[in-house]
PDB file of all heavy atoms in Angstrom:
ATOM      1  N   PHE A   1     102.340  84.267  86.558  1.00  0.00           N
ATOM      2  CA  PHE A   1     103.683  84.337  85.995  1.00  0.00           C
ATOM      3  C   PHE A   1     103.599  83.876  84.547  1.00  0.00           C
ATOM      4  O   PHE A   1     103.200  82.749  84.277  1.00  0.00           O
ATOM      5  CB  PHE A   1     104.653  83.447  86.778  1.00  0.00           C
ATOM      6  CG  PHE A   1     104.673  83.726  88.252  1.00  0.00           C
ATOM      7  CD1 PHE A   1     103.913  82.949  89.118  1.00  0.00           C
ATOM      8  CD2 PHE A   1     105.430  84.753  88.772  1.00  0.00           C
ATOM      9  CE1 PHE A   1     103.927  83.197  90.477  1.00  0.00           C
ATOM     10  CE2 PHE A   1     105.441  85.012  90.129  1.00  0.00           C
ATOM     11  CZ  PHE A   1     104.690  84.234  90.989  1.00  0.00           C
ATOM     12  N   ARG A   2     103.956  84.750  83.621  1.00  0.00           N
ATOM     13  CA  ARG A   2     103.889  84.404  82.206  1.00  0.00           C
ATOM     14  C   ARG A   2     105.248  83.889  81.747  1.00  0.00           C
ATOM     15  O   ARG A   2     106.272  84.521  82.005  1.00  0.00           O
ATOM     16  CB  ARG A   2     103.454  85.610  81.382  1.00  0.00           C
ATOM     17  CG  ARG A   2     101.996  85.969  81.599  1.00  0.00           C
ATOM     18  CD  ARG A   2     101.573  87.110  80.682  1.00  0.00           C
ATOM     19  NE  ARG A   2     100.137  87.284  80.718  1.00  0.00           N
ATOM     20  CZ  ARG A   2      99.502  88.055  81.594  1.00  0.00           C
ATOM     21  NH1 ARG A   2     100.199  88.711  82.498  1.00  0.00           N
ATOM     22  NH2 ARG A   2      98.182  88.163  81.575  1.00  0.00           N
ATOM     23  N   ILE A   3     105.248  82.762  81.053  1.00  0.00           N
ATOM     24  CA  ILE A   3     106.500  82.138  80.633  1.00  0.00           C
ATOM     25  C   ILE A   3     106.554  82.052  79.117  1.00  0.00           C
ATOM     26  O   ILE A   3     105.588  81.662  78.463  1.00  0.00           O
ATOM     27  CB  ILE A   3     106.659  80.744  81.292  1.00  0.00           C
ATOM     28  CG1 ILE A   3     108.037  80.162  81.010  1.00  0.00           C
ATOM     29  CG2 ILE A   3     105.564  79.778  80.867  1.00  0.00           C
ATOM     30  CD1 ILE A   3     108.385  78.979  81.877  1.00  0.00           C
ATOM     31  N   VAL A   4     107.681  82.464  78.560  1.00  0.00           N
ATOM     32  CA  VAL A   4     107.916  82.431  77.111  1.00  0.00           C
ATOM     33  C   VAL A   4     109.337  81.940  76.881  1.00  0.00           C
ATOM     34  O   VAL A   4     110.292  82.546  77.358  1.00  0.00           O
ATOM     35  CB  VAL A   4     107.745  83.833  76.474  1.00  0.00           C
ATOM     36  CG1 VAL A   4     108.020  83.767  74.981  1.00  0.00           C
ATOM     37  CG2 VAL A   4     106.360  84.398  76.741  1.00  0.00           C
ATOM     38  N   LYS A   5     109.481  80.807  76.189  1.00  0.00           N
ATOM     39  CA  LYS A   5     110.798  80.248  75.856  1.00  0.00           C
ATOM     40  C   LYS A   5     111.699  80.157  77.085  1.00  0.00           C
ATOM     41  O   LYS A   5     112.876  80.543  77.038  1.00  0.00           O
ATOM     42  CB  LYS A   5     111.466  81.071  74.763  1.00  0.00           C
ATOM     43  CG  LYS A   5     110.732  81.030  73.426  1.00  0.00           C
ATOM     44  CD  LYS A   5     111.455  81.833  72.358  1.00  0.00           C
ATOM     45  CE  LYS A   5     110.722  81.769  71.028  1.00  0.00           C
ATOM     46  NZ  LYS A   5     111.389  82.575  69.978  1.00  0.00           N
ATOM     47  N   GLY A   6     111.144  79.684  78.180  1.00  0.00           N
ATOM     48  CA  GLY A   6     111.944  79.456  79.380  1.00  0.00           C
ATOM     49  C   GLY A   6     112.226  80.674  80.216  1.00  0.00           C
ATOM     50  O   GLY A   6     112.902  80.589  81.243  1.00  0.00           O
ATOM     51  N   LYS A   7     111.712  81.823  79.810  1.00  0.00           N
ATOM     52  CA  LYS A   7     111.881  83.044  80.587  1.00  0.00           C
ATOM     53  C   LYS A   7     110.540  83.416  81.205  1.00  0.00           C
ATOM     54  O   LYS A   7     109.508  83.327  80.539  1.00  0.00           O
ATOM     55  CB  LYS A   7     112.398  84.196  79.717  1.00  0.00           C
ATOM     56  CG  LYS A   7     113.794  83.983  79.179  1.00  0.00           C
ATOM     57  CD  LYS A   7     114.249  85.180  78.359  1.00  0.00           C
ATOM     58  CE  LYS A   7     115.655  84.987  77.824  1.00  0.00           C
ATOM     59  NZ  LYS A   7     116.114  86.150  77.007  1.00  0.00           N
ATOM     60  N   ILE A   8     110.573  83.855  82.426  1.00  0.00           N
ATOM     61  CA  ILE A   8     109.318  84.111  83.128  1.00  0.00           C
ATOM     62  C   ILE A   8     109.331  85.504  83.727  1.00  0.00           C
ATOM     63  O   ILE A   8     110.359  85.991  84.185  1.00  0.00           O
ATOM     64  CB  ILE A   8     109.088  83.038  84.217  1.00  0.00           C
ATOM     65  CG1 ILE A   8     107.621  82.952  84.595  1.00  0.00           C
ATOM     66  CG2 ILE A   8     109.972  83.249  85.423  1.00  0.00           C
ATOM     67  CD1 ILE A   8     107.289  81.692  85.359  1.00  0.00           C
ATOM     68  N   ARG A   9     108.163  86.117  83.659  1.00  0.00           N
ATOM     69  CA  ARG A   9     108.013  87.447  84.239  1.00  0.00           C
ATOM     70  C   ARG A   9     106.811  87.463  85.156  1.00  0.00           C
ATOM     71  O   ARG A   9     105.745  86.959  84.790  1.00  0.00           O
ATOM     72  CB  ARG A   9     107.805  88.490  83.135  1.00  0.00           C
ATOM     73  CG  ARG A   9     109.002  88.701  82.253  1.00  0.00           C
ATOM     74  CD  ARG A   9     108.780  89.869  81.305  1.00  0.00           C
ATOM     75  NE  ARG A   9     107.760  89.593  80.302  1.00  0.00           N
ATOM     76  CZ  ARG A   9     107.352  90.488  79.412  1.00  0.00           C
ATOM     77  NH1 ARG A   9     107.863  91.705  79.428  1.00  0.00           N
ATOM     78  NH2 ARG A   9     106.436  90.190  78.532  1.00  0.00           N
ATOM     79  N   GLU A  10     106.971  88.039  86.339  1.00  0.00           N
ATOM     80  CA  GLU A  10     105.823  88.170  87.228  1.00  0.00           C
ATOM     81  C   GLU A  10     104.901  89.231  86.658  1.00  0.00           C
ATOM     82  O   GLU A  10     105.340  90.197  86.035  1.00  0.00           O
ATOM     83  CB  GLU A  10     106.265  88.568  88.642  1.00  0.00           C
ATOM     84  CG  GLU A  10     105.131  88.594  89.636  1.00  0.00           C
ATOM     85  CD  GLU A  10     105.597  88.815  91.057  1.00  0.00           C
ATOM     86  OE1 GLU A  10     106.794  88.688  91.328  1.00  0.00           O
ATOM     87  OE2 GLU A  10     104.739  89.135  91.885  1.00  0.00           O
ATOM     88  N   ASN A  11     103.605  89.036  86.885  1.00  0.00           N
ATOM     89  CA  ASN A  11     102.621  90.012  86.421  1.00  0.00           C
ATOM     90  C   ASN A  11     102.996  91.412  86.887  1.00  0.00           C
ATOM     91  O   ASN A  11     103.424  91.613  88.017  1.00  0.00           O
ATOM     92  CB  ASN A  11     101.244  89.658  86.982  1.00  0.00           C
ATOM     93  CG  ASN A  11     100.211  89.578  85.899  1.00  0.00           C
ATOM     94  OD1 ASN A  11     100.536  89.387  84.745  1.00  0.00           O
ATOM     95  ND2 ASN A  11      98.966  89.713  86.272  1.00  0.00           N
ATOM     96  N   GLY A  12     102.827  92.380  86.014  1.00  0.00           N
ATOM     97  CA  GLY A  12     103.042  93.755  86.437  1.00  0.00           C
ATOM     98  C   GLY A  12     104.356  94.339  85.974  1.00  0.00           C
ATOM     99  O   GLY A  12     104.672  95.467  86.306  1.00  0.00           O
ATOM    100  N   GLU A  13     105.176  93.581  85.231  1.00  0.00           N
ATOM    101  CA  GLU A  13     106.452  94.115  84.796  1.00  0.00           C
ATOM    102  C   GLU A  13     106.341  94.883  83.482  1.00  0.00           C
ATOM    103  O   GLU A  13     107.297  95.483  83.031  1.00  0.00           O
ATOM    104  CB  GLU A  13     107.464  92.977  84.636  1.00  0.00           C
ATOM    105  CG  GLU A  13     107.863  92.353  85.959  1.00  0.00           C
ATOM    106  CD  GLU A  13     108.941  91.303  85.803  1.00  0.00           C
ATOM    107  OE1 GLU A  13     109.272  90.988  84.651  1.00  0.00           O
ATOM    108  OE2 GLU A  13     109.423  90.812  86.818  1.00  0.00           O
ATOM    109  N   GLY A  14     105.183  94.845  82.850  1.00  0.00           N
ATOM    110  CA  GLY A  14     105.016  95.525  81.578  1.00  0.00           C
ATOM    111  C   GLY A  14     104.703  97.008  81.752  1.00  0.00           C
ATOM    112  O   GLY A  14     104.765  97.566  82.842  1.00  0.00           O
ATOM    113  N   LYS A  15     104.331  97.640  80.639  1.00  0.00           N
ATOM    114  CA  LYS A  15     103.989  99.062  80.649  1.00  0.00           C
ATOM    115  C   LYS A  15     102.782  99.302  81.552  1.00  0.00           C
ATOM    116  O   LYS A  15     101.822  98.547  81.564  1.00  0.00           O
ATOM    117  CB  LYS A  15     103.660  99.510  79.219  1.00  0.00           C
ATOM    118  CG  LYS A  15     103.273 100.960  79.079  1.00  0.00           C
ATOM    119  CD  LYS A  15     102.831 101.255  77.659  1.00  0.00           C
ATOM    120  CE  LYS A  15     102.540 102.713  77.414  1.00  0.00           C
ATOM    121  NZ  LYS A  15     101.817 103.409  78.439  1.00  0.00           N
ATOM    122  N   LYS A  16     102.838 100.385  82.310  1.00  0.00           N
ATOM    123  CA  LYS A  16     101.728 100.733  83.188  1.00  0.00           C
ATOM    124  C   LYS A  16     100.734 101.629  82.458  1.00  0.00           C
ATOM    125  O   LYS A  16     101.113 102.642  81.850  1.00  0.00           O
ATOM    126  CB  LYS A  16     102.243 101.468  84.434  1.00  0.00           C
ATOM    127  CG  LYS A  16     103.100 100.628  85.364  1.00  0.00           C
ATOM    128  CD  LYS A  16     102.291  99.568  86.060  1.00  0.00           C
ATOM    129  CE  LYS A  16     103.130  98.807  87.068  1.00  0.00           C
ATOM    130  NZ  LYS A  16     102.385  97.727  87.731  1.00  0.00           N
ATOM    131  N   ASN A  17      99.462 101.247  82.481  1.00  0.00           N
ATOM    132  CA  ASN A  17      98.391 102.110  82.002  1.00  0.00           C
ATOM    133  C   ASN A  17      97.906 102.955  83.168  1.00  0.00           C
ATOM    134  O   ASN A  17      97.621 102.415  84.249  1.00  0.00           O
ATOM    135  CB  ASN A  17      97.237 101.266  81.463  1.00  0.00           C
ATOM    136  CG  ASN A  17      97.600 100.529  80.188  1.00  0.00           C
ATOM    137  OD1 ASN A  17      97.747 101.132  79.135  1.00  0.00           O
ATOM    138  ND2 ASN A  17      97.759  99.206  80.283  1.00  0.00           N
ATOM    139  N   ARG A  18      97.823 104.241  82.975  1.00  0.00           N
ATOM    140  CA  ARG A  18      97.366 105.157  84.035  1.00  0.00           C
ATOM    141  C   ARG A  18      96.255 106.040  83.482  1.00  0.00           C
ATOM    142  O   ARG A  18      96.477 106.790  82.526  1.00  0.00           O
ATOM    143  CB  ARG A  18      98.525 106.011  84.554  1.00  0.00           C
ATOM    144  CG  ARG A  18      99.618 105.207  85.246  1.00  0.00           C
ATOM    145  CD  ARG A  18     100.738 106.095  85.744  1.00  0.00           C
ATOM    146  NE  ARG A  18     101.708 105.350  86.516  1.00  0.00           N
ATOM    147  CZ  ARG A  18     102.781 104.760  85.995  1.00  0.00           C
ATOM    148  NH1 ARG A  18     103.003 104.843  84.689  1.00  0.00           N
ATOM    149  NH2 ARG A  18     103.619 104.091  86.757  1.00  0.00           N
ATOM    150  N   ILE A  19      95.068 105.923  84.075  1.00  0.00           N
ATOM    151  CA  ILE A  19      93.898 106.636  83.574  1.00  0.00           C
ATOM    152  C   ILE A  19      93.282 107.450  84.713  1.00  0.00           C
ATOM    153  O   ILE A  19      93.026 106.906  85.801  1.00  0.00           O
ATOM    154  CB  ILE A  19      92.859 105.647  83.016  1.00  0.00           C
ATOM    155  CG1 ILE A  19      93.497 104.806  81.910  1.00  0.00           C
ATOM    156  CG2 ILE A  19      91.637 106.380  82.488  1.00  0.00           C
ATOM    157  CD1 ILE A  19      92.601 103.719  81.373  1.00  0.00           C
ATOM    158  N   PRO A  20      93.020 108.750  84.501  1.00  0.00           N
ATOM    159  CA  PRO A  20      92.396 109.561  85.554  1.00  0.00           C
ATOM    160  C   PRO A  20      91.008 109.032  85.922  1.00  0.00           C
ATOM    161  O   PRO A  20      90.239 108.629  85.046  1.00  0.00           O
ATOM    162  CB  PRO A  20      92.301 110.957  84.920  1.00  0.00           C
ATOM    163  CG  PRO A  20      93.315 110.956  83.823  1.00  0.00           C
ATOM    164  CD  PRO A  20      93.368 109.545  83.310  1.00  0.00           C
ATOM    165  N   VAL A  21      90.713 109.020  87.197  1.00  0.00           N
ATOM    166  CA  VAL A  21      89.406 108.588  87.690  1.00  0.00           C
ATOM    167  C   VAL A  21      88.471 109.787  87.736  1.00  0.00           C
ATOM    168  O   VAL A  21      88.784 110.804  88.366  1.00  0.00           O
ATOM    169  CB  VAL A  21      89.523 107.945  89.092  1.00  0.00           C
ATOM    170  CG1 VAL A  21      88.144 107.610  89.643  1.00  0.00           C
ATOM    171  CG2 VAL A  21      90.393 106.690  89.016  1.00  0.00           C
ATOM    172  N   VAL A  22      87.339 109.666  87.062  1.00  0.00           N
ATOM    173  CA  VAL A  22      86.345 110.752  87.066  1.00  0.00           C
ATOM    174  C   VAL A  22      85.564 110.752  88.376  1.00  0.00           C
ATOM    175  O   VAL A  22      85.320 111.796  88.978  1.00  0.00           O
ATOM    176  CB  VAL A  22      85.386 110.594  85.862  1.00  0.00           C
ATOM    177  CG1 VAL A  22      84.301 111.677  85.910  1.00  0.00           C
ATOM    178  CG2 VAL A  22      86.160 110.659  84.549  1.00  0.00           C
ATOM    179  N   TYR A  23      85.174 109.575  88.813  1.00  0.00           N
ATOM    180  CA  TYR A  23      84.360 109.449  90.023  1.00  0.00           C
ATOM    181  C   TYR A  23      84.632 108.090  90.658  1.00  0.00           C
ATOM    182  O   TYR A  23      84.778 107.085  89.955  1.00  0.00           O
ATOM    183  CB  TYR A  23      82.869 109.594  89.680  1.00  0.00           C
ATOM    184  CG  TYR A  23      81.935 109.425  90.855  1.00  0.00           C
ATOM    185  CD1 TYR A  23      81.839 110.416  91.833  1.00  0.00           C
ATOM    186  CD2 TYR A  23      81.164 108.278  90.986  1.00  0.00           C
ATOM    187  CE1 TYR A  23      80.992 110.261  92.919  1.00  0.00           C
ATOM    188  CE2 TYR A  23      80.309 108.122  92.059  1.00  0.00           C
ATOM    189  CZ  TYR A  23      80.233 109.114  93.032  1.00  0.00           C
ATOM    190  OH  TYR A  23      79.399 108.954  94.107  1.00  0.00           O
ATOM    191  N   LEU A  24      84.691 108.069  91.983  1.00  0.00           N
ATOM    192  CA  LEU A  24      84.964 106.831  92.702  1.00  0.00           C
ATOM    193  C   LEU A  24      83.829 106.559  93.685  1.00  0.00           C
ATOM    194  O   LEU A  24      83.454 107.416  94.470  1.00  0.00           O
ATOM    195  CB  LEU A  24      86.292 106.959  93.461  1.00  0.00           C
ATOM    196  CG  LEU A  24      86.973 105.644  93.886  1.00  0.00           C
ATOM    197  CD1 LEU A  24      87.437 104.868  92.674  1.00  0.00           C
ATOM    198  CD2 LEU A  24      88.159 105.948  94.796  1.00  0.00           C
ATOM    199  N   LYS A  25      83.296 105.322  93.606  1.00  0.00           N
ATOM    200  CA  LYS A  25      82.193 104.947  94.486  1.00  0.00           C
ATOM    201  C   LYS A  25      82.535 103.652  95.213  1.00  0.00           C
ATOM    202  O   LYS A  25      82.904 102.652  94.579  1.00  0.00           O
ATOM    203  CB  LYS A  25      80.906 104.755  93.673  1.00  0.00           C
ATOM    204  CG  LYS A  25      79.713 104.306  94.501  1.00  0.00           C
ATOM    205  CD  LYS A  25      78.488 104.070  93.611  1.00  0.00           C
ATOM    206  CE  LYS A  25      77.308 103.574  94.435  1.00  0.00           C
ATOM    207  NZ  LYS A  25      76.123 103.300  93.562  1.00  0.00           N
ATOM    208  N   LYS A  26      82.407 103.661  96.531  1.00  0.00           N
ATOM    209  CA  LYS A  26      82.665 102.450  97.310  1.00  0.00           C
ATOM    210  C   LYS A  26      81.460 101.531  97.211  1.00  0.00           C
ATOM    211  O   LYS A  26      80.324 101.939  97.463  1.00  0.00           O
ATOM    212  CB  LYS A  26      82.952 102.808  98.769  1.00  0.00           C
ATOM    213  CG  LYS A  26      83.589 101.679  99.564  1.00  0.00           C
ATOM    214  CD  LYS A  26      84.128 102.188 100.905  1.00  0.00           C
ATOM    215  CE  LYS A  26      84.878 101.091 101.629  1.00  0.00           C
ATOM    216  NZ  LYS A  26      85.442 101.571 102.920  1.00  0.00           N
ATOM    217  N   ILE A  27      81.693 100.255  96.824  1.00  0.00           N
ATOM    218  CA  ILE A  27      80.575  99.327  96.660  1.00  0.00           C
ATOM    219  C   ILE A  27      80.604  98.191  97.678  1.00  0.00           C
ATOM    220  O   ILE A  27      79.660  97.416  97.778  1.00  0.00           O
ATOM    221  CB  ILE A  27      80.541  98.736  95.226  1.00  0.00           C
ATOM    222  CG1 ILE A  27      81.863  98.076  94.864  1.00  0.00           C
ATOM    223  CG2 ILE A  27      80.196  99.825  94.229  1.00  0.00           C
ATOM    224  CD1 ILE A  27      81.860  97.420  93.491  1.00  0.00           C
ATOM    225  N   SER A  28      81.698  98.084  98.457  1.00  0.00           N
ATOM    226  CA  SER A  28      81.773  97.121  99.554  1.00  0.00           C
ATOM    227  C   SER A  28      82.936  97.537 100.440  1.00  0.00           C
ATOM    228  O   SER A  28      83.596  98.548 100.174  1.00  0.00           O
ATOM    229  CB  SER A  28      81.983  95.686  99.036  1.00  0.00           C
ATOM    230  OG  SER A  28      83.304  95.502  98.604  1.00  0.00           O
ATOM    231  N   GLY A  29      83.198  96.746 101.452  1.00  0.00           N
ATOM    232  CA  GLY A  29      84.295  97.089 102.351  1.00  0.00           C
ATOM    233  C   GLY A  29      85.655  97.021 101.697  1.00  0.00           C
ATOM    234  O   GLY A  29      86.603  97.667 102.163  1.00  0.00           O
ATOM    235  N   SER A  30      85.761  96.261 100.602  1.00  0.00           N
ATOM    236  CA  SER A  30      87.063  96.069  99.967  1.00  0.00           C
ATOM    237  C   SER A  30      87.122  96.502  98.508  1.00  0.00           C
ATOM    238  O   SER A  30      88.188  96.485  97.906  1.00  0.00           O
ATOM    239  CB  SER A  30      87.465  94.595 100.055  1.00  0.00           C
ATOM    240  OG  SER A  30      86.504  93.786  99.380  1.00  0.00           O
ATOM    241  N   MET A  31      85.961  96.898  97.923  1.00  0.00           N
ATOM    242  CA  MET A  31      85.925  97.209  96.489  1.00  0.00           C
ATOM    243  C   MET A  31      85.320  98.580  96.219  1.00  0.00           C
ATOM    244  O   MET A  31      84.450  99.036  96.949  1.00  0.00           O
ATOM    245  CB  MET A  31      85.138  96.147  95.722  1.00  0.00           C
ATOM    246  CG  MET A  31      85.763  94.766  95.734  1.00  0.00           C
ATOM    247  SD  MET A  31      84.942  93.613  94.586  1.00  0.00           S
ATOM    248  CE  MET A  31      83.317  93.501  95.322  1.00  0.00           C
TER     249      MET A  31
END
């Protein structure tokens, strides 16, 4: 949670970056 002058925003409220995935490789059960 980022706080500036008493105001707080949960992570993820900013602009979304969206990038096409060229290739996806599974490297573990969760990643």
